[in-house]
Amino acid sequence: MQVPYVCNGIAVRSRLFSWWDMKPFPVTNFLSIVRNFQEAISNPEFNSADPLREEDIRVIENGSVSLIQEAEECGLPLTADQFARIRKVARQGSNATEINQLGAEMMNRLEDECNRHLVMLIEKDYAQYFSNAQFFDSQDANAKKVSLQFPDAAEDVAEAGKCLACSRSTACVMHLLRVMECGLKALAAKLGIPEQNDWGKYLSEIEKALERRMKSAGARTQEEQFYAEAHAMFDSVRRAWRNPTMHVAKTYTEERANEILIAVRSFMRHLATNL
């Protein structure tokens, strides 16, 4: 199982680790709780063949409730079962020595189960792309939101960010081009152009529509200038990124994919102002 995880202080790009190997880092509060439990039962004062005191039993019972829940939520059912066993044995009037033995077995189960999990570390600078599905939206409260102006692009925006964060650079660019296509279709619809089969036909029809408008008005309005600039940008994207990306020989580095993502985000924010 792959568990996405963001760790602020780690200069590692999307590497996979055993969960157990990652235990010194704050993967979850669960491991901290386990350590506290282990330290408690390893205390020399808690090491006797005498029956447990009532206060010890309450501590074990109360602590086990949260530990069982945490273990279940972390996908560690065998560890949860062992905590339940410790709680049951303590309630039945066991002694500290037996609880210590059960605790040692719990740690073995925990390590074995954690070794079956993988944790993905995402570099701090890329965390926003993974965790924020709407990262194309401007932080300016007065700006129009890409997510609202182009709702059909929302899934591909989110997937582009996740792909970049997880080092799937070429996949990131492919999703970005799908985002751009939503903008292209919106521009065509604004000019009254019906749905076309490909980018080339869209751009050809958009160019014809703009020429008709200019001939009719005698000059380009500010709005039509906006459309013309958008058309030019889409044509450049088609030649530079879209057509080459559709061929298996073309791949992208993380650095280049990040540059394209920033460019596409900026352009989509620009389109959102008037489409």
C-alpha atoms as a PDB file:
ATOM      1  CA  MET A   1       0.000   0.000   0.000  1.00  0.00           C
ATOM      2  CA  GLN A   2       1.335   3.466  -0.851  1.00  0.00           C
ATOM      3  CA  VAL A   3       0.612   6.163   1.712  1.00  0.00           C
ATOM      4  CA  PRO A   4       1.090   9.782   0.572  1.00  0.00           C
ATOM      5  CA  TYR A   5       2.969  11.755   3.194  1.00  0.00           C
ATOM      6  CA  VAL A   6       4.338  15.268   3.344  1.00  0.00           C
ATOM      7  CA  CYS A   7       7.408  15.837   5.506  1.00  0.00           C
ATOM      8  CA  ASN A   8       8.611  19.417   5.732  1.00  0.00           C
ATOM      9  CA  GLY A   9      12.238  18.858   6.591  1.00  0.00           C
ATOM     10  CA  ILE A  10      13.142  16.141   4.119  1.00  0.00           C
ATOM     11  CA  ALA A  11      15.035  17.039   0.941  1.00  0.00           C
ATOM     12  CA  VAL A  12      13.881  13.922  -0.909  1.00  0.00           C
ATOM     13  CA  ARG A  13      11.715  13.831  -4.035  1.00  0.00           C
ATOM     14  CA  SER A  14       8.965  11.233  -3.973  1.00  0.00           C
ATOM     15  CA  ARG A  15      10.941   8.251  -2.736  1.00  0.00           C
ATOM     16  CA  LEU A  16       9.311   5.166  -1.241  1.00  0.00           C
ATOM     17  CA  PHE A  17      10.325   3.945   2.197  1.00  0.00           C
ATOM     18  CA  SER A  18       9.253   1.185   4.533  1.00  0.00           C
ATOM     19  CA  TRP A  19       6.929   2.698   7.110  1.00  0.00           C
ATOM     20  CA  TRP A  20       9.084   1.169   9.829  1.00  0.00           C
ATOM     21  CA  ASP A  21      12.202   2.808   8.380  1.00  0.00           C
ATOM     22  CA  MET A  22      10.371   6.117   8.660  1.00  0.00           C
ATOM     23  CA  LYS A  23       9.484   5.724  12.339  1.00  0.00           C
ATOM     24  CA  PRO A  24      11.870   8.481  13.602  1.00  0.00           C
ATOM     25  CA  PHE A  25       9.787  10.961  11.584  1.00  0.00           C
ATOM     26  CA  PRO A  26       6.260  12.081  12.590  1.00  0.00           C
ATOM     27  CA  VAL A  27       4.391   9.717  10.280  1.00  0.00           C
ATOM     28  CA  THR A  28       1.472   9.576  12.692  1.00  0.00           C
ATOM     29  CA  ASN A  29       0.814  10.154  16.362  1.00  0.00           C
ATOM     30  CA  PHE A  30       0.416   6.420  16.584  1.00  0.00           C
ATOM     31  CA  LEU A  31       4.114   5.595  16.776  1.00  0.00           C
ATOM     32  CA  SER A  32       4.610   8.167  19.508  1.00  0.00           C
ATOM     33  CA  ILE A  33       1.814   6.588  21.523  1.00  0.00           C
ATOM     34  CA  VAL A  34       3.352   3.166  21.021  1.00  0.00           C
ATOM     35  CA  ARG A  35       6.737   4.366  22.228  1.00  0.00           C
ATOM     36  CA  ASN A  36       5.159   5.814  25.353  1.00  0.00           C
ATOM     37  CA  PHE A  37       3.403   2.519  25.968  1.00  0.00           C
ATOM     38  CA  GLN A  38       6.624   0.597  25.485  1.00  0.00           C
ATOM     39  CA  GLU A  39       8.524   2.878  27.868  1.00  0.00           C
ATOM     40  CA  ALA A  40       5.797   2.537  30.462  1.00  0.00           C
ATOM     41  CA  ILE A  41       5.819  -1.252  30.527  1.00  0.00           C
ATOM     42  CA  SER A  42       9.637  -1.315  30.407  1.00  0.00           C
ATOM     43  CA  ASN A  43       9.881   0.776  33.556  1.00  0.00           C
ATOM     44  CA  PRO A  44      11.670  -1.247  36.307  1.00  0.00           C
ATOM     45  CA  GLU A  45       8.828  -0.378  38.654  1.00  0.00           C
ATOM     46  CA  PHE A  46       6.477  -2.092  36.258  1.00  0.00           C
ATOM     47  CA  ASN A  47       8.172  -5.495  36.372  1.00  0.00           C
ATOM     48  CA  SER A  48       6.773  -7.798  38.946  1.00  0.00           C
ATOM     49  CA  ALA A  49       5.131 -11.177  39.269  1.00  0.00           C
ATOM     50  CA  ASP A  50       2.622  -9.631  41.648  1.00  0.00           C
ATOM     51  CA  PRO A  51      -0.910  -9.008  40.330  1.00  0.00           C
ATOM     52  CA  LEU A  52      -1.431  -5.646  38.661  1.00  0.00           C
ATOM     53  CA  ARG A  53      -2.666  -2.812  40.828  1.00  0.00           C
ATOM     54  CA  GLU A  54      -6.108  -1.447  40.054  1.00  0.00           C
ATOM     55  CA  GLU A  55      -4.608   1.838  38.887  1.00  0.00           C
ATOM     56  CA  ASP A  56      -2.286  -0.039  36.478  1.00  0.00           C
ATOM     57  CA  ILE A  57      -5.235  -1.927  35.038  1.00  0.00           C
ATOM     58  CA  ARG A  58      -7.134   1.330  34.449  1.00  0.00           C
ATOM     59  CA  VAL A  59      -4.147   2.896  32.717  1.00  0.00           C
ATOM     60  CA  ILE A  60      -3.729  -0.113  30.409  1.00  0.00           C
ATOM     61  CA  GLU A  61      -7.453  -0.333  29.639  1.00  0.00           C
ATOM     62  CA  ASN A  62      -7.872   3.367  28.952  1.00  0.00           C
ATOM     63  CA  GLY A  63      -4.694   3.605  26.896  1.00  0.00           C
ATOM     64  CA  SER A  64      -5.556   0.537  24.859  1.00  0.00           C
ATOM     65  CA  VAL A  65      -8.794   2.092  23.613  1.00  0.00           C
ATOM     66  CA  SER A  66      -6.977   4.840  21.685  1.00  0.00           C
ATOM     67  CA  LEU A  67      -4.193   2.492  20.619  1.00  0.00           C
ATOM     68  CA  ILE A  68      -6.634  -0.013  19.151  1.00  0.00           C
ATOM     69  CA  GLN A  69      -8.458   2.757  17.277  1.00  0.00           C
ATOM     70  CA  GLU A  70      -5.214   4.282  15.972  1.00  0.00           C
ATOM     71  CA  ALA A  71      -3.907   0.906  14.843  1.00  0.00           C
ATOM     72  CA  GLU A  72      -7.138   0.126  12.984  1.00  0.00           C
ATOM     73  CA  GLU A  73      -7.103   3.538  11.273  1.00  0.00           C
ATOM     74  CA  CYS A  74      -3.480   3.005  10.245  1.00  0.00           C
ATOM     75  CA  GLY A  75      -4.329  -0.348   8.665  1.00  0.00           C
ATOM     76  CA  LEU A  76      -2.550  -2.434  11.329  1.00  0.00           C
ATOM     77  CA  PRO A  77      -5.182  -5.024  12.324  1.00  0.00           C
ATOM     78  CA  LEU A  78      -2.799  -7.537  13.922  1.00  0.00           C
ATOM     79  CA  THR A  79      -1.273  -4.835  16.104  1.00  0.00           C
ATOM     80  CA  ALA A  80      -4.784  -3.740  17.090  1.00  0.00           C
ATOM     81  CA  ASP A  81      -5.623  -7.344  18.007  1.00  0.00           C
ATOM     82  CA  GLN A  82      -2.557  -7.540  20.237  1.00  0.00           C
ATOM     83  CA  PHE A  83      -3.510  -4.331  22.047  1.00  0.00           C
ATOM     84  CA  ALA A  84      -6.979  -5.807  22.566  1.00  0.00           C
ATOM     85  CA  ARG A  85      -5.354  -8.947  23.976  1.00  0.00           C
ATOM     86  CA  ILE A  86      -3.216  -6.896  26.376  1.00  0.00           C
ATOM     87  CA  ARG A  87      -6.309  -5.063  27.558  1.00  0.00           C
ATOM     88  CA  LYS A  88      -8.214  -8.294  28.080  1.00  0.00           C
ATOM     89  CA  VAL A  89      -5.375 -10.004  29.960  1.00  0.00           C
ATOM     90  CA  ALA A  90      -4.868  -6.950  32.195  1.00  0.00           C
ATOM     91  CA  ARG A  91      -8.573  -6.926  33.062  1.00  0.00           C
ATOM     92  CA  GLN A  92      -8.408 -10.607  34.004  1.00  0.00           C
ATOM     93  CA  GLY A  93      -5.835  -9.874  36.714  1.00  0.00           C
ATOM     94  CA  SER A  94      -2.480 -10.558  35.110  1.00  0.00           C
ATOM     95  CA  ASN A  95       0.904  -9.340  36.322  1.00  0.00           C
ATOM     96  CA  ALA A  96       3.453  -6.885  34.945  1.00  0.00           C
ATOM     97  CA  THR A  97       5.798  -9.600  33.683  1.00  0.00           C
ATOM     98  CA  GLU A  98       3.092 -11.089  31.462  1.00  0.00           C
ATOM     99  CA  ILE A  99       2.034  -7.682  30.188  1.00  0.00           C
ATOM    100  CA  ASN A 100       5.678  -6.969  29.291  1.00  0.00           C
ATOM    101  CA  GLN A 101       5.846 -10.183  27.287  1.00  0.00           C
ATOM    102  CA  LEU A 102       2.655  -9.304  25.428  1.00  0.00           C
ATOM    103  CA  GLY A 103       4.041  -5.802  24.830  1.00  0.00           C
ATOM    104  CA  ALA A 104       7.201  -7.209  23.266  1.00  0.00           C
ATOM    105  CA  GLU A 105       5.060  -9.337  20.949  1.00  0.00           C
ATOM    106  CA  MET A 106       3.026  -6.239  20.077  1.00  0.00           C
ATOM    107  CA  MET A 107       6.204  -4.445  18.963  1.00  0.00           C
ATOM    108  CA  ASN A 108       7.105  -7.425  16.752  1.00  0.00           C
ATOM    109  CA  ARG A 109       3.666  -7.332  15.141  1.00  0.00           C
ATOM    110  CA  LEU A 110       3.900  -3.579  14.687  1.00  0.00           C
ATOM    111  CA  GLU A 111       7.271  -3.814  12.952  1.00  0.00           C
ATOM    112  CA  ASP A 112       6.123  -6.662  10.696  1.00  0.00           C
ATOM    113  CA  GLU A 113       2.972  -4.826   9.656  1.00  0.00           C
ATOM    114  CA  CYS A 114       4.767  -1.517   9.134  1.00  0.00           C
ATOM    115  CA  ASN A 115       7.248  -3.269   6.847  1.00  0.00           C
ATOM    116  CA  ARG A 116       4.294  -4.098   4.589  1.00  0.00           C
ATOM    117  CA  HIS A 117       3.419  -0.416   4.154  1.00  0.00           C
ATOM    118  CA  LEU A 118       5.182   2.112   1.981  1.00  0.00           C
ATOM    119  CA  VAL A 119       5.355   5.814   2.737  1.00  0.00           C
ATOM    120  CA  MET A 120       5.872   8.414   0.045  1.00  0.00           C
ATOM    121  CA  LEU A 121       7.724  11.577   0.970  1.00  0.00           C
ATOM    122  CA  ILE A 122       6.882  14.670  -1.057  1.00  0.00           C
ATOM    123  CA  GLU A 123       9.243  17.619  -1.064  1.00  0.00           C
ATOM    124  CA  LYS A 124       7.938  20.711   0.710  1.00  0.00           C
ATOM    125  CA  ASP A 125       7.867  22.853  -2.450  1.00  0.00           C
ATOM    126  CA  TYR A 126       5.600  20.321  -4.171  1.00  0.00           C
ATOM    127  CA  ALA A 127       3.271  19.675  -1.227  1.00  0.00           C
ATOM    128  CA  GLN A 128       0.738  22.278  -2.390  1.00  0.00           C
ATOM    129  CA  TYR A 129       0.354  20.476  -5.712  1.00  0.00           C
ATOM    130  CA  PHE A 130      -0.548  17.243  -3.966  1.00  0.00           C
ATOM    131  CA  SER A 131      -2.766  18.490  -1.170  1.00  0.00           C
ATOM    132  CA  ASN A 132      -4.604  21.403  -2.851  1.00  0.00           C
ATOM    133  CA  ALA A 133      -6.796  20.334  -5.764  1.00  0.00           C
ATOM    134  CA  GLN A 134      -7.582  23.975  -6.579  1.00  0.00           C
ATOM    135  CA  PHE A 135      -4.012  25.299  -6.692  1.00  0.00           C
ATOM    136  CA  PHE A 136      -4.747  27.006 -10.046  1.00  0.00           C
ATOM    137  CA  ASP A 137      -6.977  29.500  -8.236  1.00  0.00           C
ATOM    138  CA  SER A 138      -5.401  32.857  -7.453  1.00  0.00           C
ATOM    139  CA  GLN A 139      -4.889  33.881  -3.825  1.00  0.00           C
ATOM    140  CA  ASP A 140      -6.357  37.264  -4.742  1.00  0.00           C
ATOM    141  CA  ALA A 141      -9.866  37.293  -3.305  1.00  0.00           C
ATOM    142  CA  ASN A 142     -11.022  39.628  -6.096  1.00  0.00           C
ATOM    143  CA  ALA A 143      -9.709  37.453  -8.939  1.00  0.00           C
ATOM    144  CA  LYS A 144     -11.964  35.050 -10.808  1.00  0.00           C
ATOM    145  CA  LYS A 145     -11.305  31.434  -9.890  1.00  0.00           C
ATOM    146  CA  VAL A 146     -10.159  28.951 -12.535  1.00  0.00           C
ATOM    147  CA  SER A 147     -12.064  26.214 -10.701  1.00  0.00           C
ATOM    148  CA  LEU A 148     -15.339  28.139 -11.140  1.00  0.00           C
ATOM    149  CA  GLN A 149     -14.766  29.453 -14.659  1.00  0.00           C
ATOM    150  CA  PHE A 150     -13.577  26.070 -15.995  1.00  0.00           C
ATOM    151  CA  PRO A 151     -15.162  23.378 -13.798  1.00  0.00           C
ATOM    152  CA  ASP A 152     -14.548  20.702 -16.444  1.00  0.00           C
ATOM    153  CA  ALA A 153     -10.802  21.186 -15.941  1.00  0.00           C
ATOM    154  CA  ALA A 154     -10.884  20.586 -12.172  1.00  0.00           C
ATOM    155  CA  GLU A 155     -10.000  16.892 -12.263  1.00  0.00           C
ATOM    156  CA  ASP A 156      -7.078  17.370 -14.638  1.00  0.00           C
ATOM    157  CA  VAL A 157      -5.764  20.321 -12.621  1.00  0.00           C
ATOM    158  CA  ALA A 158      -5.726  18.146  -9.510  1.00  0.00           C
ATOM    159  CA  GLU A 159      -4.150  15.203 -11.343  1.00  0.00           C
ATOM    160  CA  ALA A 160      -1.473  17.396 -12.926  1.00  0.00           C
ATOM    161  CA  GLY A 161      -0.439  18.589  -9.485  1.00  0.00           C
ATOM    162  CA  LYS A 162      -0.353  15.100  -8.028  1.00  0.00           C
ATOM    163  CA  CYS A 163       1.644  13.773 -10.969  1.00  0.00           C
ATOM    164  CA  LEU A 164       4.273  16.477 -10.594  1.00  0.00           C
ATOM    165  CA  ALA A 165       4.473  15.958  -6.826  1.00  0.00           C
ATOM    166  CA  CYS A 166       4.966  12.229  -7.388  1.00  0.00           C
ATOM    167  CA  SER A 167       7.648  12.691 -10.080  1.00  0.00           C
ATOM    168  CA  ARG A 168       5.385  11.674 -12.998  1.00  0.00           C
ATOM    169  CA  SER A 169       6.500  14.636 -15.104  1.00  0.00           C
ATOM    170  CA  THR A 170       5.292  13.580 -18.559  1.00  0.00           C
ATOM    171  CA  ALA A 171       1.912  12.573 -17.135  1.00  0.00           C
ATOM    172  CA  CYS A 172       1.732  16.000 -15.491  1.00  0.00           C
ATOM    173  CA  VAL A 173       2.161  17.729 -18.872  1.00  0.00           C
ATOM    174  CA  MET A 174      -0.487  15.520 -20.484  1.00  0.00           C
ATOM    175  CA  HIS A 175      -2.997  16.530 -17.813  1.00  0.00           C
ATOM    176  CA  LEU A 176      -2.020  20.185 -18.262  1.00  0.00           C
ATOM    177  CA  LEU A 177      -2.784  19.941 -21.970  1.00  0.00           C
ATOM    178  CA  ARG A 178      -6.223  18.567 -21.130  1.00  0.00           C
ATOM    179  CA  VAL A 179      -6.702  21.604 -18.883  1.00  0.00           C
ATOM    180  CA  MET A 180      -5.725  23.846 -21.796  1.00  0.00           C
ATOM    181  CA  GLU A 181      -8.211  22.061 -24.010  1.00  0.00           C
ATOM    182  CA  CYS A 182     -10.996  23.082 -21.616  1.00  0.00           C
ATOM    183  CA  GLY A 183      -9.881  26.680 -22.113  1.00  0.00           C
ATOM    184  CA  LEU A 184      -9.765  26.223 -25.871  1.00  0.00           C
ATOM    185  CA  LYS A 185     -13.310  24.875 -25.941  1.00  0.00           C
ATOM    186  CA  ALA A 186     -14.487  27.771 -23.770  1.00  0.00           C
ATOM    187  CA  LEU A 187     -12.936  30.275 -26.184  1.00  0.00           C
ATOM    188  CA  ALA A 188     -14.578  28.552 -29.157  1.00  0.00           C
ATOM    189  CA  ALA A 189     -17.961  28.525 -27.427  1.00  0.00           C
ATOM    190  CA  LYS A 190     -17.616  32.245 -26.659  1.00  0.00           C
ATOM    191  CA  LEU A 191     -17.187  32.874 -30.388  1.00  0.00           C
ATOM    192  CA  GLY A 192     -20.149  30.668 -31.311  1.00  0.00           C
ATOM    193  CA  ILE A 193     -18.040  27.825 -32.723  1.00  0.00           C
ATOM    194  CA  PRO A 194     -19.490  24.313 -32.327  1.00  0.00           C
ATOM    195  CA  GLU A 195     -17.440  21.423 -30.946  1.00  0.00           C
ATOM    196  CA  GLN A 196     -14.591  20.301 -33.211  1.00  0.00           C
ATOM    197  CA  ASN A 197     -12.582  17.077 -33.443  1.00  0.00           C
ATOM    198  CA  ASP A 198      -9.113  18.453 -32.697  1.00  0.00           C
ATOM    199  CA  TRP A 199      -7.085  21.512 -31.744  1.00  0.00           C
ATOM    200  CA  GLY A 200      -6.201  22.334 -35.346  1.00  0.00           C
ATOM    201  CA  LYS A 201      -9.843  22.611 -36.385  1.00  0.00           C
ATOM    202  CA  TYR A 202     -10.724  24.635 -33.302  1.00  0.00           C
ATOM    203  CA  LEU A 203      -7.917  27.105 -33.991  1.00  0.00           C
ATOM    204  CA  SER A 204      -8.804  27.353 -37.673  1.00  0.00           C
ATOM    205  CA  GLU A 205     -12.447  28.131 -36.878  1.00  0.00           C
ATOM    206  CA  ILE A 206     -11.485  30.620 -34.155  1.00  0.00           C
ATOM    207  CA  GLU A 207      -9.195  32.450 -36.569  1.00  0.00           C
ATOM    208  CA  LYS A 208     -11.968  32.658 -39.172  1.00  0.00           C
ATOM    209  CA  ALA A 209     -14.424  33.954 -36.571  1.00  0.00           C
ATOM    210  CA  LEU A 210     -12.006  36.661 -35.438  1.00  0.00           C
ATOM    211  CA  GLU A 211     -11.342  37.755 -39.027  1.00  0.00           C
ATOM    212  CA  ARG A 212     -15.088  38.035 -39.699  1.00  0.00           C
ATOM    213  CA  ARG A 213     -15.529  40.125 -36.564  1.00  0.00           C
ATOM    214  CA  MET A 214     -12.692  42.460 -37.467  1.00  0.00           C
ATOM    215  CA  LYS A 215     -13.963  42.943 -41.037  1.00  0.00           C
ATOM    216  CA  SER A 216     -17.432  43.632 -39.754  1.00  0.00           C
ATOM    217  CA  ALA A 217     -16.332  46.170 -37.138  1.00  0.00           C
ATOM    218  CA  GLY A 218     -13.445  47.640 -39.102  1.00  0.00           C
ATOM    219  CA  ALA A 219     -11.109  47.281 -36.119  1.00  0.00           C
ATOM    220  CA  ARG A 220     -10.502  44.979 -33.225  1.00  0.00           C
ATOM    221  CA  THR A 221     -12.161  45.805 -29.939  1.00  0.00           C
ATOM    222  CA  GLN A 222     -10.356  45.236 -26.635  1.00  0.00           C
ATOM    223  CA  GLU A 223     -12.363  42.059 -26.160  1.00  0.00           C
ATOM    224  CA  GLU A 224     -11.466  40.749 -29.610  1.00  0.00           C
ATOM    225  CA  GLN A 225      -7.809  41.547 -28.940  1.00  0.00           C
ATOM    226  CA  PHE A 226      -8.068  39.338 -25.864  1.00  0.00           C
ATOM    227  CA  TYR A 227      -9.477  36.521 -28.012  1.00  0.00           C
ATOM    228  CA  ALA A 228      -6.768  36.978 -30.645  1.00  0.00           C
ATOM    229  CA  GLU A 229      -3.990  36.787 -28.067  1.00  0.00           C
ATOM    230  CA  ALA A 230      -5.580  33.695 -26.549  1.00  0.00           C
ATOM    231  CA  HIS A 231      -5.763  32.120 -30.018  1.00  0.00           C
ATOM    232  CA  ALA A 232      -2.063  32.825 -30.573  1.00  0.00           C
ATOM    233  CA  MET A 233      -1.173  31.262 -27.230  1.00  0.00           C
ATOM    234  CA  PHE A 234      -3.192  28.132 -27.957  1.00  0.00           C
ATOM    235  CA  ASP A 235      -1.526  27.789 -31.354  1.00  0.00           C
ATOM    236  CA  SER A 236       1.912  28.088 -29.737  1.00  0.00           C
ATOM    237  CA  VAL A 237       0.997  25.465 -27.135  1.00  0.00           C
ATOM    238  CA  ARG A 238      -0.256  23.141 -29.862  1.00  0.00           C
ATOM    239  CA  ARG A 239       3.041  23.330 -31.721  1.00  0.00           C
ATOM    240  CA  ALA A 240       5.405  23.367 -28.736  1.00  0.00           C
ATOM    241  CA  TRP A 241       3.762  20.965 -26.293  1.00  0.00           C
ATOM    242  CA  ARG A 242       0.559  19.294 -27.400  1.00  0.00           C
ATOM    243  CA  ASN A 243       1.617  17.687 -30.674  1.00  0.00           C
ATOM    244  CA  PRO A 244       5.046  16.498 -29.433  1.00  0.00           C
ATOM    245  CA  THR A 245       3.581  15.159 -26.171  1.00  0.00           C
ATOM    246  CA  MET A 246       1.244  12.843 -28.054  1.00  0.00           C
ATOM    247  CA  HIS A 247       4.272  10.893 -29.326  1.00  0.00           C
ATOM    248  CA  VAL A 248       5.985   8.289 -27.124  1.00  0.00           C
ATOM    249  CA  ALA A 249       9.463   9.658 -27.839  1.00  0.00           C
ATOM    250  CA  LYS A 250       8.724  12.885 -25.950  1.00  0.00           C
ATOM    251  CA  THR A 251       9.296  13.023 -22.195  1.00  0.00           C
ATOM    252  CA  TYR A 252       9.654  15.861 -19.697  1.00  0.00           C
ATOM    253  CA  THR A 253      11.930  16.451 -16.731  1.00  0.00           C
ATOM    254  CA  GLU A 254      10.474  17.584 -13.411  1.00  0.00           C
ATOM    255  CA  GLU A 255      11.983  21.028 -13.900  1.00  0.00           C
ATOM    256  CA  ARG A 256      10.436  21.422 -17.356  1.00  0.00           C
ATOM    257  CA  ALA A 257       7.073  20.066 -16.232  1.00  0.00           C
ATOM    258  CA  ASN A 258       7.050  22.535 -13.353  1.00  0.00           C
ATOM    259  CA  GLU A 259       7.799  25.391 -15.765  1.00  0.00           C
ATOM    260  CA  ILE A 260       4.935  24.299 -18.027  1.00  0.00           C
ATOM    261  CA  LEU A 261       2.602  23.982 -15.048  1.00  0.00           C
ATOM    262  CA  ILE A 262       3.363  27.543 -13.949  1.00  0.00           C
ATOM    263  CA  ALA A 263       2.849  28.818 -17.510  1.00  0.00           C
ATOM    264  CA  VAL A 264      -0.460  26.983 -17.946  1.00  0.00           C
ATOM    265  CA  ARG A 265      -1.694  28.147 -14.545  1.00  0.00           C
ATOM    266  CA  SER A 266      -0.889  31.746 -15.430  1.00  0.00           C
ATOM    267  CA  PHE A 267      -2.634  31.458 -18.803  1.00  0.00           C
ATOM    268  CA  MET A 268      -5.742  29.805 -17.361  1.00  0.00           C
ATOM    269  CA  ARG A 269      -5.985  32.537 -14.750  1.00  0.00           C
ATOM    270  CA  HIS A 270      -5.761  35.062 -17.563  1.00  0.00           C
ATOM    271  CA  LEU A 271      -8.508  33.287 -19.536  1.00  0.00           C
ATOM    272  CA  ALA A 272     -10.698  33.216 -16.440  1.00  0.00           C
ATOM    273  CA  THR A 273     -10.840  37.001 -16.466  1.00  0.00           C
ATOM    274  CA  ASN A 274     -12.862  37.101 -19.690  1.00  0.00           C
ATOM    275  CA  LEU A 275     -14.240  33.621 -20.430  1.00  0.00           C
END
